[in-house]
Amino acid sequence: MDLAVKLGLSKKQGRYLIKDYETRGLYPPQELSMKLAKLFNVDKKYFYDEYYEFLDMDYPKIIKDYRLKNNLSKTKLATMLGTTYNNVLRWENRKNIGRKYYKTLIRITIKEP
């Protein structure tokens, strides 16, 4: 498993993770995506899915603009998303959003009719 070693993974990790990425349609974490892109000399977004692309966007502005446009407090937006005020505050300060909340955020902020 030369690839696993080049990516800083153990052979066992590499065997399972790389197989999952190749056969199950899973996306590697952002850090591993960047290592793969460098290794294969492709754009870093080559291995990204929509979630990682969102994290590369100015998502704090997207969230805040949506909230202000709709006259929502952080607490009200948190309630709509099923999360806490503190999470909304962290997101607006560029802390990563988990995939669970990303899907809901995308639905209400970007893909809103």
PDB file of N, CA and C in Angstrom:
ATOM      1  N   MET A   1       0.831  -1.186   0.000  1.00  0.00           N
ATOM      2  CA  MET A   1       0.000   0.000   0.000  1.00  0.00           C
ATOM      3  C   MET A   1       0.878   1.254   0.000  1.00  0.00           C
ATOM      4  N   ASP A   2       1.567   1.477  -1.063  1.00  0.00           N
ATOM      5  CA  ASP A   2       2.412   2.661  -1.182  1.00  0.00           C
ATOM      6  C   ASP A   2       1.587   3.936  -1.045  1.00  0.00           C
ATOM      7  N   LEU A   3       0.401   3.943  -1.600  1.00  0.00           N
ATOM      8  CA  LEU A   3      -0.451   5.127  -1.536  1.00  0.00           C
ATOM      9  C   LEU A   3      -0.765   5.470  -0.085  1.00  0.00           C
ATOM     10  N   ALA A   4      -1.115   4.473   0.697  1.00  0.00           N
ATOM     11  CA  ALA A   4      -1.433   4.708   2.107  1.00  0.00           C
ATOM     12  C   ALA A   4      -0.248   5.345   2.824  1.00  0.00           C
ATOM     13  N   VAL A   5       0.931   4.825   2.600  1.00  0.00           N
ATOM     14  CA  VAL A   5       2.130   5.344   3.255  1.00  0.00           C
ATOM     15  C   VAL A   5       2.387   6.789   2.807  1.00  0.00           C
ATOM     16  N   LYS A   6       2.233   7.068   1.514  1.00  0.00           N
ATOM     17  CA  LYS A   6       2.442   8.424   1.001  1.00  0.00           C
ATOM     18  C   LYS A   6       1.443   9.410   1.590  1.00  0.00           C
ATOM     19  N   LEU A   7       0.286   8.912   1.986  1.00  0.00           N
ATOM     20  CA  LEU A   7      -0.747   9.768   2.572  1.00  0.00           C
ATOM     21  C   LEU A   7      -0.630   9.873   4.085  1.00  0.00           C
ATOM     22  N   GLY A   8       0.349   9.170   4.646  1.00  0.00           N
ATOM     23  CA  GLY A   8       0.543   9.213   6.093  1.00  0.00           C
ATOM     24  C   GLY A   8      -0.395   8.297   6.851  1.00  0.00           C
ATOM     25  N   LEU A   9      -0.904   7.264   6.170  1.00  0.00           N
ATOM     26  CA  LEU A   9      -1.803   6.299   6.793  1.00  0.00           C
ATOM     27  C   LEU A   9      -1.049   4.997   7.036  1.00  0.00           C
ATOM     28  N   SER A  10      -1.521   4.223   7.986  1.00  0.00           N
ATOM     29  CA  SER A  10      -0.956   2.889   8.155  1.00  0.00           C
ATOM     30  C   SER A  10      -1.451   2.021   6.998  1.00  0.00           C
ATOM     31  N   LYS A  11      -0.793   0.915   6.773  1.00  0.00           N
ATOM     32  CA  LYS A  11      -1.223   0.037   5.678  1.00  0.00           C
ATOM     33  C   LYS A  11      -2.650  -0.452   5.904  1.00  0.00           C
ATOM     34  N   LYS A  12      -2.985  -0.772   7.157  1.00  0.00           N
ATOM     35  CA  LYS A  12      -4.330  -1.250   7.471  1.00  0.00           C
ATOM     36  C   LYS A  12      -5.362  -0.147   7.217  1.00  0.00           C
ATOM     37  N   GLN A  13      -5.090   1.066   7.709  1.00  0.00           N
ATOM     38  CA  GLN A  13      -5.996   2.197   7.458  1.00  0.00           C
ATOM     39  C   GLN A  13      -6.162   2.407   5.967  1.00  0.00           C
ATOM     40  N   GLY A  14      -5.055   2.427   5.286  1.00  0.00           N
ATOM     41  CA  GLY A  14      -5.074   2.669   3.850  1.00  0.00           C
ATOM     42  C   GLY A  14      -5.895   1.647   3.102  1.00  0.00           C
ATOM     43  N   ARG A  15      -5.734   0.393   3.463  1.00  0.00           N
ATOM     44  CA  ARG A  15      -6.459  -0.684   2.778  1.00  0.00           C
ATOM     45  C   ARG A  15      -7.963  -0.467   2.875  1.00  0.00           C
ATOM     46  N   TYR A  16      -8.441  -0.142   4.059  1.00  0.00           N
ATOM     47  CA  TYR A  16      -9.883   0.025   4.243  1.00  0.00           C
ATOM     48  C   TYR A  16     -10.389   1.367   3.730  1.00  0.00           C
ATOM     49  N   LEU A  17      -9.675   2.435   4.049  1.00  0.00           N
ATOM     50  CA  LEU A  17     -10.140   3.758   3.630  1.00  0.00           C
ATOM     51  C   LEU A  17     -10.127   3.924   2.118  1.00  0.00           C
ATOM     52  N   ILE A  18      -9.047   3.564   1.496  1.00  0.00           N
ATOM     53  CA  ILE A  18      -8.948   3.731   0.050  1.00  0.00           C
ATOM     54  C   ILE A  18      -9.984   2.877  -0.658  1.00  0.00           C
ATOM     55  N   LYS A  19     -10.206   1.669  -0.150  1.00  0.00           N
ATOM     56  CA  LYS A  19     -11.245   0.802  -0.735  1.00  0.00           C
ATOM     57  C   LYS A  19     -12.621   1.479  -0.616  1.00  0.00           C
ATOM     58  N   ASP A  20     -12.905   2.067   0.554  1.00  0.00           N
ATOM     59  CA  ASP A  20     -14.188   2.757   0.743  1.00  0.00           C
ATOM     60  C   ASP A  20     -14.332   3.940  -0.213  1.00  0.00           C
ATOM     61  N   TYR A  21     -13.267   4.696  -0.390  1.00  0.00           N
ATOM     62  CA  TYR A  21     -13.331   5.850  -1.287  1.00  0.00           C
ATOM     63  C   TYR A  21     -13.562   5.401  -2.722  1.00  0.00           C
ATOM     64  N   GLU A  22     -12.946   4.288  -3.090  1.00  0.00           N
ATOM     65  CA  GLU A  22     -13.057   3.814  -4.468  1.00  0.00           C
ATOM     66  C   GLU A  22     -14.373   3.096  -4.749  1.00  0.00           C
ATOM     67  N   THR A  23     -14.884   2.340  -3.788  1.00  0.00           N
ATOM     68  CA  THR A  23     -16.033   1.472  -4.072  1.00  0.00           C
ATOM     69  C   THR A  23     -17.358   1.954  -3.485  1.00  0.00           C
ATOM     70  N   ARG A  24     -17.324   2.723  -2.410  1.00  0.00           N
ATOM     71  CA  ARG A  24     -18.570   3.123  -1.759  1.00  0.00           C
ATOM     72  C   ARG A  24     -18.967   4.560  -2.057  1.00  0.00           C
ATOM     73  N   GLY A  25     -18.181   5.244  -2.848  1.00  0.00           N
ATOM     74  CA  GLY A  25     -18.523   6.618  -3.196  1.00  0.00           C
ATOM     75  C   GLY A  25     -18.362   7.596  -2.050  1.00  0.00           C
ATOM     76  N   LEU A  26     -17.548   7.235  -1.069  1.00  0.00           N
ATOM     77  CA  LEU A  26     -17.295   8.144   0.047  1.00  0.00           C
ATOM     78  C   LEU A  26     -16.222   9.147  -0.357  1.00  0.00           C
ATOM     79  N   TYR A  27     -16.238  10.291   0.280  1.00  0.00           N
ATOM     80  CA  TYR A  27     -15.231  11.307   0.012  1.00  0.00           C
ATOM     81  C   TYR A  27     -14.256  11.360   1.172  1.00  0.00           C
ATOM     82  N   PRO A  28     -12.970  11.477   0.863  1.00  0.00           N
ATOM     83  CA  PRO A  28     -11.989  11.574   1.951  1.00  0.00           C
ATOM     84  C   PRO A  28     -12.140  12.900   2.678  1.00  0.00           C
ATOM     85  N   PRO A  29     -11.694  12.956   3.929  1.00  0.00           N
ATOM     86  CA  PRO A  29     -11.725  14.221   4.659  1.00  0.00           C
ATOM     87  C   PRO A  29     -10.941  15.294   3.895  1.00  0.00           C
ATOM     88  N   GLN A  30     -11.227  16.534   4.192  1.00  0.00           N
ATOM     89  CA  GLN A  30     -10.636  17.653   3.456  1.00  0.00           C
ATOM     90  C   GLN A  30      -9.109  17.592   3.449  1.00  0.00           C
ATOM     91  N   GLU A  31      -8.498  17.314   4.583  1.00  0.00           N
ATOM     92  CA  GLU A  31      -7.035  17.261   4.667  1.00  0.00           C
ATOM     93  C   GLU A  31      -6.476  16.155   3.763  1.00  0.00           C
ATOM     94  N   LEU A  32      -7.113  15.008   3.782  1.00  0.00           N
ATOM     95  CA  LEU A  32      -6.672  13.902   2.929  1.00  0.00           C
ATOM     96  C   LEU A  32      -6.934  14.209   1.458  1.00  0.00           C
ATOM     97  N   SER A  33      -8.010  14.912   1.172  1.00  0.00           N
ATOM     98  CA  SER A  33      -8.301  15.329  -0.205  1.00  0.00           C
ATOM     99  C   SER A  33      -7.170  16.175  -0.761  1.00  0.00           C
ATOM    100  N   MET A  34      -6.659  17.073   0.073  1.00  0.00           N
ATOM    101  CA  MET A  34      -5.573  17.945  -0.378  1.00  0.00           C
ATOM    102  C   MET A  34      -4.287  17.151  -0.611  1.00  0.00           C
ATOM    103  N   LYS A  35      -4.027  16.173   0.252  1.00  0.00           N
ATOM    104  CA  LYS A  35      -2.844  15.328   0.061  1.00  0.00           C
ATOM    105  C   LYS A  35      -2.957  14.518  -1.228  1.00  0.00           C
ATOM    106  N   LEU A  36      -4.138  13.966  -1.478  1.00  0.00           N
ATOM    107  CA  LEU A  36      -4.355  13.198  -2.708  1.00  0.00           C
ATOM    108  C   LEU A  36      -4.187  14.082  -3.941  1.00  0.00           C
ATOM    109  N   ALA A  37      -4.739  15.278  -3.884  1.00  0.00           N
ATOM    110  CA  ALA A  37      -4.639  16.191  -5.023  1.00  0.00           C
ATOM    111  C   ALA A  37      -3.180  16.530  -5.320  1.00  0.00           C
ATOM    112  N   LYS A  38      -2.419  16.781  -4.276  1.00  0.00           N
ATOM    113  CA  LYS A  38      -1.002  17.096  -4.460  1.00  0.00           C
ATOM    114  C   LYS A  38      -0.260  15.889  -5.035  1.00  0.00           C
ATOM    115  N   LEU A  39      -0.537  14.726  -4.497  1.00  0.00           N
ATOM    116  CA  LEU A  39       0.119  13.501  -4.954  1.00  0.00           C
ATOM    117  C   LEU A  39      -0.176  13.213  -6.419  1.00  0.00           C
ATOM    118  N   PHE A  40      -1.423  13.430  -6.841  1.00  0.00           N
ATOM    119  CA  PHE A  40      -1.819  13.143  -8.221  1.00  0.00           C
ATOM    120  C   PHE A  40      -1.756  14.373  -9.128  1.00  0.00           C
ATOM    121  N   ASN A  41      -1.283  15.491  -8.561  1.00  0.00           N
ATOM    122  CA  ASN A  41      -1.116  16.723  -9.315  1.00  0.00           C
ATOM    123  C   ASN A  41      -2.411  17.190  -9.991  1.00  0.00           C
ATOM    124  N   VAL A  42      -3.465  17.244  -9.195  1.00  0.00           N
ATOM    125  CA  VAL A  42      -4.751  17.751  -9.674  1.00  0.00           C
ATOM    126  C   VAL A  42      -5.210  18.854  -8.726  1.00  0.00           C
ATOM    127  N   ASP A  43      -6.202  19.620  -9.147  1.00  0.00           N
ATOM    128  CA  ASP A  43      -6.757  20.681  -8.321  1.00  0.00           C
ATOM    129  C   ASP A  43      -7.246  20.099  -6.996  1.00  0.00           C
ATOM    130  N   LYS A  44      -7.058  20.854  -5.923  1.00  0.00           N
ATOM    131  CA  LYS A  44      -7.440  20.339  -4.598  1.00  0.00           C
ATOM    132  C   LYS A  44      -8.910  19.972  -4.515  1.00  0.00           C
ATOM    133  N   LYS A  45      -9.741  20.583  -5.338  1.00  0.00           N
ATOM    134  CA  LYS A  45     -11.175  20.302  -5.291  1.00  0.00           C
ATOM    135  C   LYS A  45     -11.570  19.049  -6.069  1.00  0.00           C
ATOM    136  N   TYR A  46     -10.613  18.430  -6.720  1.00  0.00           N
ATOM    137  CA  TYR A  46     -10.900  17.222  -7.496  1.00  0.00           C
ATOM    138  C   TYR A  46     -11.546  16.141  -6.622  1.00  0.00           C
ATOM    139  N   PHE A  47     -11.090  16.030  -5.399  1.00  0.00           N
ATOM    140  CA  PHE A  47     -11.598  14.998  -4.493  1.00  0.00           C
ATOM    141  C   PHE A  47     -12.684  15.516  -3.552  1.00  0.00           C
ATOM    142  N   TYR A  48     -13.117  16.759  -3.733  1.00  0.00           N
ATOM    143  CA  TYR A  48     -14.136  17.362  -2.880  1.00  0.00           C
ATOM    144  C   TYR A  48     -15.530  16.909  -3.299  1.00  0.00           C
ATOM    145  N   ASP A  49     -16.421  16.925  -2.336  1.00  0.00           N
ATOM    146  CA  ASP A  49     -17.845  16.822  -2.630  1.00  0.00           C
ATOM    147  C   ASP A  49     -18.451  18.195  -2.336  1.00  0.00           C
ATOM    148  N   GLU A  50     -19.753  18.317  -2.438  1.00  0.00           N
ATOM    149  CA  GLU A  50     -20.414  19.613  -2.242  1.00  0.00           C
ATOM    150  C   GLU A  50     -20.195  20.179  -0.839  1.00  0.00           C
ATOM    151  N   TYR A  51     -20.084  19.301   0.146  1.00  0.00           N
ATOM    152  CA  TYR A  51     -19.857  19.740   1.528  1.00  0.00           C
ATOM    153  C   TYR A  51     -18.531  20.487   1.654  1.00  0.00           C
ATOM    154  N   TYR A  52     -17.458  19.918   1.114  1.00  0.00           N
ATOM    155  CA  TYR A  52     -16.157  20.579   1.210  1.00  0.00           C
ATOM    156  C   TYR A  52     -16.132  21.862   0.385  1.00  0.00           C
ATOM    157  N   GLU A  53     -16.838  21.871  -0.729  1.00  0.00           N
ATOM    158  CA  GLU A  53     -16.918  23.095  -1.523  1.00  0.00           C
ATOM    159  C   GLU A  53     -17.607  24.191  -0.710  1.00  0.00           C
ATOM    160  N   PHE A  54     -18.646  23.810   0.040  1.00  0.00           N
ATOM    161  CA  PHE A  54     -19.333  24.764   0.901  1.00  0.00           C
ATOM    162  C   PHE A  54     -18.378  25.319   1.954  1.00  0.00           C
ATOM    163  N   LEU A  55     -17.559  24.446   2.543  1.00  0.00           N
ATOM    164  CA  LEU A  55     -16.616  24.902   3.561  1.00  0.00           C
ATOM    165  C   LEU A  55     -15.581  25.863   2.982  1.00  0.00           C
ATOM    166  N   ASP A  56     -15.315  25.754   1.685  1.00  0.00           N
ATOM    167  CA  ASP A  56     -14.383  26.678   1.030  1.00  0.00           C
ATOM    168  C   ASP A  56     -15.034  28.013   0.685  1.00  0.00           C
ATOM    169  N   MET A  57     -16.349  28.066   0.725  1.00  0.00           N
ATOM    170  CA  MET A  57     -17.062  29.311   0.416  1.00  0.00           C
ATOM    171  C   MET A  57     -17.029  30.232   1.640  1.00  0.00           C
ATOM    172  N   ASP A  58     -17.525  31.415   1.476  1.00  0.00           N
ATOM    173  CA  ASP A  58     -17.654  32.335   2.598  1.00  0.00           C
ATOM    174  C   ASP A  58     -18.974  32.012   3.317  1.00  0.00           C
ATOM    175  N   TYR A  59     -19.038  30.802   3.870  1.00  0.00           N
ATOM    176  CA  TYR A  59     -20.289  30.358   4.476  1.00  0.00           C
ATOM    177  C   TYR A  59     -20.709  31.175   5.693  1.00  0.00           C
ATOM    178  N   PRO A  60     -19.787  31.775   6.464  1.00  0.00           N
ATOM    179  CA  PRO A  60     -20.272  32.638   7.548  1.00  0.00           C
ATOM    180  C   PRO A  60     -21.126  33.792   7.015  1.00  0.00           C
ATOM    181  N   LYS A  61     -20.707  34.352   5.895  1.00  0.00           N
ATOM    182  CA  LYS A  61     -21.480  35.449   5.286  1.00  0.00           C
ATOM    183  C   LYS A  61     -22.822  34.934   4.757  1.00  0.00           C
ATOM    184  N   ILE A  62     -22.822  33.760   4.157  1.00  0.00           N
ATOM    185  CA  ILE A  62     -24.064  33.171   3.647  1.00  0.00           C
ATOM    186  C   ILE A  62     -25.061  32.997   4.789  1.00  0.00           C
ATOM    187  N   ILE A  63     -24.583  32.456   5.893  1.00  0.00           N
ATOM    188  CA  ILE A  63     -25.459  32.215   7.048  1.00  0.00           C
ATOM    189  C   ILE A  63     -25.964  33.537   7.624  1.00  0.00           C
ATOM    190  N   LYS A  64     -25.036  34.457   7.847  1.00  0.00           N
ATOM    191  CA  LYS A  64     -25.427  35.735   8.441  1.00  0.00           C
ATOM    192  C   LYS A  64     -26.362  36.516   7.517  1.00  0.00           C
ATOM    193  N   ASP A  65     -26.048  36.556   6.221  1.00  0.00           N
ATOM    194  CA  ASP A  65     -26.914  37.266   5.272  1.00  0.00           C
ATOM    195  C   ASP A  65     -28.314  36.664   5.251  1.00  0.00           C
ATOM    196  N   TYR A  66     -28.403  35.347   5.259  1.00  0.00           N
ATOM    197  CA  TYR A  66     -29.710  34.689   5.283  1.00  0.00           C
ATOM    198  C   TYR A  66     -30.463  35.078   6.556  1.00  0.00           C
ATOM    199  N   ARG A  67     -29.756  35.021   7.673  1.00  0.00           N
ATOM    200  CA  ARG A  67     -30.369  35.322   8.959  1.00  0.00           C
ATOM    201  C   ARG A  67     -30.892  36.758   8.989  1.00  0.00           C
ATOM    202  N   LEU A  68     -30.070  37.691   8.535  1.00  0.00           N
ATOM    203  CA  LEU A  68     -30.479  39.105   8.565  1.00  0.00           C
ATOM    204  C   LEU A  68     -31.590  39.386   7.555  1.00  0.00           C
ATOM    205  N   LYS A  69     -31.473  38.820   6.365  1.00  0.00           N
ATOM    206  CA  LYS A  69     -32.493  39.018   5.328  1.00  0.00           C
ATOM    207  C   LYS A  69     -33.871  38.555   5.809  1.00  0.00           C
ATOM    208  N   ASN A  70     -33.878  37.497   6.605  1.00  0.00           N
ATOM    209  CA  ASN A  70     -35.133  36.921   7.091  1.00  0.00           C
ATOM    210  C   ASN A  70     -35.465  37.358   8.514  1.00  0.00           C
ATOM    211  N   ASN A  71     -34.736  38.386   8.999  1.00  0.00           N
ATOM    212  CA  ASN A  71     -34.995  38.951  10.313  1.00  0.00           C
ATOM    213  C   ASN A  71     -34.996  37.882  11.409  1.00  0.00           C
ATOM    214  N   LEU A  72     -33.970  37.038  11.384  1.00  0.00           N
ATOM    215  CA  LEU A  72     -33.855  35.959  12.358  1.00  0.00           C
ATOM    216  C   LEU A  72     -32.723  36.245  13.336  1.00  0.00           C
ATOM    217  N   SER A  73     -32.984  35.988  14.587  1.00  0.00           N
ATOM    218  CA  SER A  73     -31.905  36.042  15.572  1.00  0.00           C
ATOM    219  C   SER A  73     -31.101  34.745  15.450  1.00  0.00           C
ATOM    220  N   LYS A  74     -29.958  34.704  16.073  1.00  0.00           N
ATOM    221  CA  LYS A  74     -29.172  33.453  16.084  1.00  0.00           C
ATOM    222  C   LYS A  74     -29.968  32.341  16.769  1.00  0.00           C
ATOM    223  N   THR A  75     -30.691  32.715  17.808  1.00  0.00           N
ATOM    224  CA  THR A  75     -31.496  31.738  18.533  1.00  0.00           C
ATOM    225  C   THR A  75     -32.605  31.168  17.645  1.00  0.00           C
ATOM    226  N   LYS A  76     -33.278  32.033  16.902  1.00  0.00           N
ATOM    227  CA  LYS A  76     -34.366  31.590  16.021  1.00  0.00           C
ATOM    228  C   LYS A  76     -33.821  30.687  14.913  1.00  0.00           C
ATOM    229  N   LEU A  77     -32.691  31.070  14.303  1.00  0.00           N
ATOM    230  CA  LEU A  77     -32.090  30.228  13.271  1.00  0.00           C
ATOM    231  C   LEU A  77     -31.663  28.888  13.862  1.00  0.00           C
ATOM    232  N   ALA A  78     -31.095  28.911  15.044  1.00  0.00           N
ATOM    233  CA  ALA A  78     -30.687  27.673  15.710  1.00  0.00           C
ATOM    234  C   ALA A  78     -31.884  26.749  15.911  1.00  0.00           C
ATOM    235  N   THR A  79     -32.996  27.317  16.329  1.00  0.00           N
ATOM    236  CA  THR A  79     -34.215  26.526  16.528  1.00  0.00           C
ATOM    237  C   THR A  79     -34.680  25.921  15.208  1.00  0.00           C
ATOM    238  N   MET A  80     -34.644  26.713  14.133  1.00  0.00           N
ATOM    239  CA  MET A  80     -35.042  26.207  12.814  1.00  0.00           C
ATOM    240  C   MET A  80     -34.170  25.031  12.369  1.00  0.00           C
ATOM    241  N   LEU A  81     -32.891  25.083  12.746  1.00  0.00           N
ATOM    242  CA  LEU A  81     -31.939  24.054  12.324  1.00  0.00           C
ATOM    243  C   LEU A  81     -31.839  22.892  13.302  1.00  0.00           C
ATOM    244  N   GLY A  82     -32.477  23.035  14.452  1.00  0.00           N
ATOM    245  CA  GLY A  82     -32.397  21.977  15.462  1.00  0.00           C
ATOM    246  C   GLY A  82     -31.050  21.938  16.143  1.00  0.00           C
ATOM    247  N   THR A  83     -30.470  23.123  16.349  1.00  0.00           N
ATOM    248  CA  THR A  83     -29.163  23.200  16.993  1.00  0.00           C
ATOM    249  C   THR A  83     -29.201  24.283  18.061  1.00  0.00           C
ATOM    250  N   THR A  84     -28.042  24.761  18.455  1.00  0.00           N
ATOM    251  CA  THR A  84     -27.969  25.735  19.533  1.00  0.00           C
ATOM    252  C   THR A  84     -27.502  27.099  19.028  1.00  0.00           C
ATOM    253  N   TYR A  85     -27.770  28.100  19.820  1.00  0.00           N
ATOM    254  CA  TYR A  85     -27.278  29.452  19.567  1.00  0.00           C
ATOM    255  C   TYR A  85     -25.759  29.430  19.392  1.00  0.00           C
ATOM    256  N   ASN A  86     -25.076  28.694  20.280  1.00  0.00           N
ATOM    257  CA  ASN A  86     -23.611  28.641  20.237  1.00  0.00           C
ATOM    258  C   ASN A  86     -23.097  28.074  18.917  1.00  0.00           C
ATOM    259  N   ASN A  87     -23.791  27.091  18.353  1.00  0.00           N
ATOM    260  CA  ASN A  87     -23.366  26.559  17.053  1.00  0.00           C
ATOM    261  C   ASN A  87     -23.491  27.626  15.967  1.00  0.00           C
ATOM    262  N   VAL A  88     -24.596  28.325  15.940  1.00  0.00           N
ATOM    263  CA  VAL A  88     -24.778  29.378  14.934  1.00  0.00           C
ATOM    264  C   VAL A  88     -23.699  30.441  15.105  1.00  0.00           C
ATOM    265  N   LEU A  89     -23.431  30.811  16.326  1.00  0.00           N
ATOM    266  CA  LEU A  89     -22.375  31.791  16.611  1.00  0.00           C
ATOM    267  C   LEU A  89     -21.025  31.285  16.089  1.00  0.00           C
ATOM    268  N   ARG A  90     -20.704  30.035  16.359  1.00  0.00           N
ATOM    269  CA  ARG A  90     -19.432  29.457  15.879  1.00  0.00           C
ATOM    270  C   ARG A  90     -19.376  29.450  14.352  1.00  0.00           C
ATOM    271  N   TRP A  91     -20.471  29.070  13.703  1.00  0.00           N
ATOM    272  CA  TRP A  91     -20.490  29.015  12.237  1.00  0.00           C
ATOM    273  C   TRP A  91     -20.278  30.400  11.642  1.00  0.00           C
ATOM    274  N   GLU A  92     -20.884  31.401  12.243  1.00  0.00           N
ATOM    275  CA  GLU A  92     -20.710  32.757  11.738  1.00  0.00           C
ATOM    276  C   GLU A  92     -19.300  33.279  12.010  1.00  0.00           C
ATOM    277  N   ASN A  93     -18.561  32.557  12.831  1.00  0.00           N
ATOM    278  CA  ASN A  93     -17.157  32.883  13.097  1.00  0.00           C
ATOM    279  C   ASN A  93     -16.216  31.869  12.447  1.00  0.00           C
ATOM    280  N   ARG A  94     -16.695  31.205  11.409  1.00  0.00           N
ATOM    281  CA  ARG A  94     -15.936  30.307  10.537  1.00  0.00           C
ATOM    282  C   ARG A  94     -15.478  29.005  11.201  1.00  0.00           C
ATOM    283  N   LYS A  95     -16.204  28.505  12.140  1.00  0.00           N
ATOM    284  CA  LYS A  95     -15.926  27.168  12.678  1.00  0.00           C
ATOM    285  C   LYS A  95     -16.667  26.172  11.798  1.00  0.00           C
ATOM    286  N   ASN A  96     -16.039  25.033  11.539  1.00  0.00           N
ATOM    287  CA  ASN A  96     -16.634  24.060  10.618  1.00  0.00           C
ATOM    288  C   ASN A  96     -18.016  23.588  11.055  1.00  0.00           C
ATOM    289  N   ILE A  97     -18.809  23.347  10.056  1.00  0.00           N
ATOM    290  CA  ILE A  97     -20.166  22.863  10.233  1.00  0.00           C
ATOM    291  C   ILE A  97     -20.165  21.375   9.907  1.00  0.00           C
ATOM    292  N   GLY A  98     -20.784  20.573  10.742  1.00  0.00           N
ATOM    293  CA  GLY A  98     -20.895  19.148  10.448  1.00  0.00           C
ATOM    294  C   GLY A  98     -21.823  18.913   9.265  1.00  0.00           C
ATOM    295  N   ARG A  99     -21.670  17.767   8.644  1.00  0.00           N
ATOM    296  CA  ARG A  99     -22.474  17.436   7.457  1.00  0.00           C
ATOM    297  C   ARG A  99     -23.971  17.480   7.743  1.00  0.00           C
ATOM    298  N   LYS A 100     -24.361  17.066   8.937  1.00  0.00           N
ATOM    299  CA  LYS A 100     -25.784  17.041   9.291  1.00  0.00           C
ATOM    300  C   LYS A 100     -26.403  18.435   9.155  1.00  0.00           C
ATOM    301  N   TYR A 101     -25.753  19.428   9.729  1.00  0.00           N
ATOM    302  CA  TYR A 101     -26.285  20.779   9.681  1.00  0.00           C
ATOM    303  C   TYR A 101     -26.036  21.440   8.329  1.00  0.00           C
ATOM    304  N   TYR A 102     -24.956  21.048   7.665  1.00  0.00           N
ATOM    305  CA  TYR A 102     -24.679  21.575   6.326  1.00  0.00           C
ATOM    306  C   TYR A 102     -25.870  21.324   5.401  1.00  0.00           C
ATOM    307  N   LYS A 103     -26.401  20.114   5.430  1.00  0.00           N
ATOM    308  CA  LYS A 103     -27.512  19.768   4.532  1.00  0.00           C
ATOM    309  C   LYS A 103     -28.728  20.650   4.784  1.00  0.00           C
ATOM    310  N   THR A 104     -29.022  20.903   6.041  1.00  0.00           N
ATOM    311  CA  THR A 104     -30.156  21.764   6.366  1.00  0.00           C
ATOM    312  C   THR A 104     -29.862  23.206   5.978  1.00  0.00           C
ATOM    313  N   LEU A 105     -28.662  23.671   6.267  1.00  0.00           N
ATOM    314  CA  LEU A 105     -28.283  25.039   5.908  1.00  0.00           C
ATOM    315  C   LEU A 105     -28.367  25.267   4.410  1.00  0.00           C
ATOM    316  N   ILE A 106     -27.844  24.337   3.638  1.00  0.00           N
ATOM    317  CA  ILE A 106     -27.877  24.454   2.181  1.00  0.00           C
ATOM    318  C   ILE A 106     -29.315  24.552   1.712  1.00  0.00           C
ATOM    319  N   ARG A 107     -30.161  23.710   2.256  1.00  0.00           N
ATOM    320  CA  ARG A 107     -31.557  23.688   1.840  1.00  0.00           C
ATOM    321  C   ARG A 107     -32.236  25.036   2.077  1.00  0.00           C
ATOM    322  N   ILE A 108     -31.972  25.654   3.215  1.00  0.00           N
ATOM    323  CA  ILE A 108     -32.696  26.887   3.513  1.00  0.00           C
ATOM    324  C   ILE A 108     -31.982  28.157   3.038  1.00  0.00           C
ATOM    325  N   THR A 109     -30.663  28.129   2.865  1.00  0.00           N
ATOM    326  CA  THR A 109     -29.968  29.364   2.523  1.00  0.00           C
ATOM    327  C   THR A 109     -29.663  29.498   1.038  1.00  0.00           C
ATOM    328  N   ILE A 110     -29.149  28.470   0.421  1.00  0.00           N
ATOM    329  CA  ILE A 110     -28.686  28.583  -0.964  1.00  0.00           C
ATOM    330  C   ILE A 110     -29.737  28.105  -1.949  1.00  0.00           C
ATOM    331  N   LYS A 111     -30.381  27.008  -1.653  1.00  0.00           N
ATOM    332  CA  LYS A 111     -31.312  26.413  -2.622  1.00  0.00           C
ATOM    333  C   LYS A 111     -32.753  26.814  -2.342  1.00  0.00           C
ATOM    334  N   GLU A 112     -32.891  27.902  -1.639  1.00  0.00           N
ATOM    335  CA  GLU A 112     -34.231  28.400  -1.337  1.00  0.00           C
ATOM    336  C   GLU A 112     -34.892  28.905  -2.627  1.00  0.00           C
ATOM    337  N   PRO A 113     -36.161  28.529  -2.891  1.00  0.00           N
ATOM    338  CA  PRO A 113     -36.831  28.989  -4.124  1.00  0.00           C
ATOM    339  C   PRO A 113     -37.006  30.490  -4.177  1.00  0.00           C
TER     340      PRO A 113
END
